Amino acid sequence: MDYRQAALSERERAILDYAVKLTLHPADMRREDVEDLRRAGLDDGAIHDVAQVTGFFNLYNRLADGLGIEAEPDW
């Protein structure tokens, strides 16, 4: 599902826009990206959490891909 087509709040959409940009184009991040999150109602702690979670999952996915870790089967 494309999150841009989903019925999301402005806050949720801002978070996902930020996470996608940080994932796909980290060198393009600007102060305005953080300001977009603030305008959507996030405080500094929440913005920090979004950046940390996005970074963690990017790191984990790269480690898993680099080491050939298979996804766990559905039970």
N, C-alpha and C. Protein backbone atom coordinates (compact mmCIF):
# COMPACT_ATOMS: atom_id res chain seq x y z
N MET A 1 0.85 -1.18 0.00
CA MET A 1 0.00 0.00 0.00
C MET A 1 0.89 1.24 0.00
N ASP A 2 0.53 2.19 -0.78
CA ASP A 2 1.25 3.46 -0.85
C ASP A 2 0.67 4.39 0.20
N TYR A 3 1.47 4.75 1.18
CA TYR A 3 0.97 5.58 2.28
C TYR A 3 0.41 6.91 1.79
N ARG A 4 0.88 7.37 0.62
CA ARG A 4 0.40 8.65 0.10
C ARG A 4 -1.05 8.57 -0.37
N GLN A 5 -1.55 7.35 -0.53
CA GLN A 5 -2.95 7.15 -0.93
C GLN A 5 -3.83 6.79 0.26
N ALA A 6 -3.25 6.59 1.42
CA ALA A 6 -3.99 6.17 2.61
C ALA A 6 -4.63 7.37 3.30
N ALA A 7 -5.68 7.10 4.04
CA ALA A 7 -6.36 8.13 4.83
C ALA A 7 -5.58 8.34 6.13
N LEU A 8 -4.62 9.26 6.09
CA LEU A 8 -3.77 9.54 7.23
C LEU A 8 -3.98 10.96 7.71
N SER A 9 -3.65 11.18 8.97
CA SER A 9 -3.67 12.54 9.50
C SER A 9 -2.49 13.32 8.94
N GLU A 10 -2.54 14.63 9.06
CA GLU A 10 -1.41 15.47 8.63
C GLU A 10 -0.14 15.06 9.37
N ARG A 11 -0.27 14.76 10.65
CA ARG A 11 0.87 14.35 11.49
C ARG A 11 1.48 13.05 10.96
N GLU A 12 0.63 12.05 10.72
CA GLU A 12 1.13 10.76 10.22
C GLU A 12 1.81 10.91 8.86
N ARG A 13 1.20 11.70 7.99
CA ARG A 13 1.78 11.89 6.66
C ARG A 13 3.12 12.61 6.76
N ALA A 14 3.23 13.61 7.63
CA ALA A 14 4.50 14.33 7.81
C ALA A 14 5.59 13.39 8.31
N ILE A 15 5.24 12.52 9.26
CA ILE A 15 6.20 11.56 9.79
C ILE A 15 6.69 10.62 8.69
N LEU A 16 5.77 10.10 7.90
CA LEU A 16 6.16 9.18 6.84
C LEU A 16 6.94 9.88 5.74
N ASP A 17 6.56 11.11 5.39
CA ASP A 17 7.33 11.86 4.40
C ASP A 17 8.77 12.03 4.87
N TYR A 18 8.94 12.38 6.14
CA TYR A 18 10.27 12.57 6.72
C TYR A 18 11.05 11.25 6.69
N ALA A 19 10.42 10.17 7.13
CA ALA A 19 11.09 8.87 7.19
C ALA A 19 11.52 8.38 5.80
N VAL A 20 10.66 8.57 4.82
CA VAL A 20 10.99 8.15 3.45
C VAL A 20 12.16 8.98 2.92
N LYS A 21 12.12 10.28 3.13
CA LYS A 21 13.22 11.12 2.65
C LYS A 21 14.53 10.76 3.34
N LEU A 22 14.48 10.57 4.66
CA LEU A 22 15.69 10.20 5.39
C LEU A 22 16.23 8.86 4.92
N THR A 23 15.36 7.95 4.56
CA THR A 23 15.76 6.63 4.08
C THR A 23 16.36 6.68 2.68
N LEU A 24 15.68 7.37 1.78
CA LEU A 24 16.07 7.34 0.37
C LEU A 24 17.06 8.43 -0.03
N HIS A 25 17.03 9.57 0.66
CA HIS A 25 17.85 10.72 0.27
C HIS A 25 18.42 11.43 1.50
N PRO A 26 19.18 10.72 2.33
CA PRO A 26 19.64 11.32 3.58
C PRO A 26 20.49 12.58 3.39
N ALA A 27 21.23 12.68 2.32
CA ALA A 27 22.07 13.86 2.09
C ALA A 27 21.24 15.09 1.75
N ASP A 28 19.98 14.90 1.42
CA ASP A 28 19.10 16.02 1.05
C ASP A 28 18.30 16.57 2.22
N MET A 29 18.49 16.02 3.42
CA MET A 29 17.72 16.49 4.57
C MET A 29 18.10 17.93 4.89
N ARG A 30 17.10 18.74 5.21
CA ARG A 30 17.29 20.15 5.50
C ARG A 30 16.52 20.54 6.76
N ARG A 31 16.82 21.69 7.29
CA ARG A 31 16.11 22.22 8.46
C ARG A 31 14.60 22.23 8.20
N GLU A 32 14.21 22.51 6.97
CA GLU A 32 12.79 22.57 6.62
C GLU A 32 12.08 21.24 6.87
N ASP A 33 12.80 20.14 6.73
CA ASP A 33 12.19 18.83 6.98
C ASP A 33 11.78 18.70 8.44
N VAL A 34 12.60 19.21 9.34
CA VAL A 34 12.26 19.21 10.76
C VAL A 34 11.14 20.20 11.03
N GLU A 35 11.19 21.34 10.39
CA GLU A 35 10.14 22.35 10.57
C GLU A 35 8.78 21.80 10.10
N ASP A 36 8.77 20.99 9.05
CA ASP A 36 7.52 20.37 8.60
C ASP A 36 6.94 19.50 9.72
N LEU A 37 7.80 18.78 10.42
CA LEU A 37 7.32 17.95 11.54
C LEU A 37 6.79 18.82 12.67
N ARG A 38 7.45 19.91 12.96
CA ARG A 38 6.96 20.84 14.00
C ARG A 38 5.59 21.41 13.62
N ARG A 39 5.43 21.80 12.36
CA ARG A 39 4.15 22.33 11.91
C ARG A 39 3.04 21.28 12.02
N ALA A 40 3.42 20.01 11.92
CA ALA A 40 2.45 18.92 12.04
C ALA A 40 2.18 18.56 13.49
N GLY A 41 2.82 19.27 14.43
CA GLY A 41 2.51 19.08 15.85
C GLY A 41 3.50 18.27 16.65
N LEU A 42 4.63 17.90 16.09
CA LEU A 42 5.62 17.13 16.83
C LEU A 42 6.54 18.07 17.60
N ASP A 43 6.87 17.69 18.82
CA ASP A 43 7.86 18.44 19.59
C ASP A 43 9.23 17.84 19.35
N ASP A 44 10.25 18.42 19.95
CA ASP A 44 11.62 17.96 19.71
C ASP A 44 11.82 16.50 20.09
N GLY A 45 11.20 16.06 21.18
CA GLY A 45 11.33 14.67 21.59
C GLY A 45 10.74 13.71 20.57
N ALA A 46 9.57 14.06 20.04
CA ALA A 46 8.94 13.21 19.04
C ALA A 46 9.74 13.20 17.74
N ILE A 47 10.29 14.35 17.36
CA ILE A 47 11.12 14.41 16.15
C ILE A 47 12.36 13.54 16.33
N HIS A 48 12.95 13.60 17.50
CA HIS A 48 14.11 12.75 17.80
C HIS A 48 13.73 11.28 17.68
N ASP A 49 12.56 10.91 18.21
CA ASP A 49 12.12 9.51 18.12
C ASP A 49 11.93 9.08 16.67
N VAL A 50 11.34 9.93 15.85
CA VAL A 50 11.13 9.59 14.43
C VAL A 50 12.47 9.35 13.75
N ALA A 51 13.43 10.24 13.99
CA ALA A 51 14.75 10.08 13.37
C ALA A 51 15.44 8.82 13.88
N GLN A 52 15.35 8.56 15.19
CA GLN A 52 16.00 7.38 15.76
C GLN A 52 15.40 6.08 15.23
N VAL A 53 14.08 5.99 15.20
CA VAL A 53 13.42 4.77 14.72
C VAL A 53 13.71 4.55 13.24
N THR A 54 13.65 5.63 12.46
CA THR A 54 13.96 5.51 11.03
C THR A 54 15.40 5.03 10.83
N GLY A 55 16.33 5.65 11.54
CA GLY A 55 17.73 5.25 11.43
C GLY A 55 17.96 3.82 11.88
N PHE A 56 17.31 3.42 12.98
CA PHE A 56 17.48 2.06 13.48
C PHE A 56 17.01 1.04 12.45
N PHE A 57 15.83 1.25 11.88
CA PHE A 57 15.33 0.28 10.92
C PHE A 57 16.17 0.26 9.65
N ASN A 58 16.67 1.41 9.24
CA ASN A 58 17.57 1.42 8.09
C ASN A 58 18.84 0.63 8.39
N LEU A 59 19.42 0.82 9.57
CA LEU A 59 20.60 0.08 9.97
C LEU A 59 20.30 -1.42 10.01
N TYR A 60 19.23 -1.79 10.66
CA TYR A 60 18.89 -3.20 10.79
C TYR A 60 18.68 -3.84 9.42
N ASN A 61 17.95 -3.16 8.54
CA ASN A 61 17.70 -3.73 7.21
C ASN A 61 19.00 -3.90 6.43
N ARG A 62 19.91 -2.95 6.54
CA ARG A 62 21.18 -3.08 5.83
C ARG A 62 22.03 -4.20 6.40
N LEU A 63 22.03 -4.35 7.72
CA LEU A 63 22.75 -5.48 8.33
C LEU A 63 22.16 -6.80 7.87
N ALA A 64 20.84 -6.91 7.92
CA ALA A 64 20.19 -8.15 7.52
C ALA A 64 20.47 -8.46 6.05
N ASP A 65 20.37 -7.45 5.20
CA ASP A 65 20.66 -7.67 3.78
C ASP A 65 22.12 -8.04 3.57
N GLY A 66 23.01 -7.35 4.25
CA GLY A 66 24.44 -7.59 4.09
C GLY A 66 24.89 -8.94 4.60
N LEU A 67 24.18 -9.46 5.59
CA LEU A 67 24.55 -10.76 6.15
C LEU A 67 23.69 -11.90 5.62
N GLY A 68 22.76 -11.57 4.75
CA GLY A 68 21.91 -12.61 4.15
C GLY A 68 20.90 -13.20 5.11
N ILE A 69 20.46 -12.44 6.09
CA ILE A 69 19.48 -12.94 7.05
C ILE A 69 18.12 -13.04 6.36
N GLU A 70 17.51 -14.21 6.47
CA GLU A 70 16.21 -14.44 5.87
C GLU A 70 15.12 -13.96 6.82
N ALA A 71 14.02 -13.51 6.25
CA ALA A 71 12.87 -13.13 7.07
C ALA A 71 12.31 -14.38 7.74
N GLU A 72 11.78 -14.18 8.94
CA GLU A 72 11.17 -15.31 9.65
C GLU A 72 9.89 -15.73 8.93
N PRO A 73 9.65 -17.02 8.90
CA PRO A 73 8.43 -17.49 8.22
C PRO A 73 7.17 -17.06 8.98
N ASP A 74 6.07 -16.88 8.25
CA ASP A 74 4.79 -16.59 8.91
C ASP A 74 4.31 -17.87 9.57
N TRP A 75 3.84 -17.76 10.78
CA TRP A 75 3.35 -18.95 11.50
C TRP A 75 1.88 -19.01 11.45
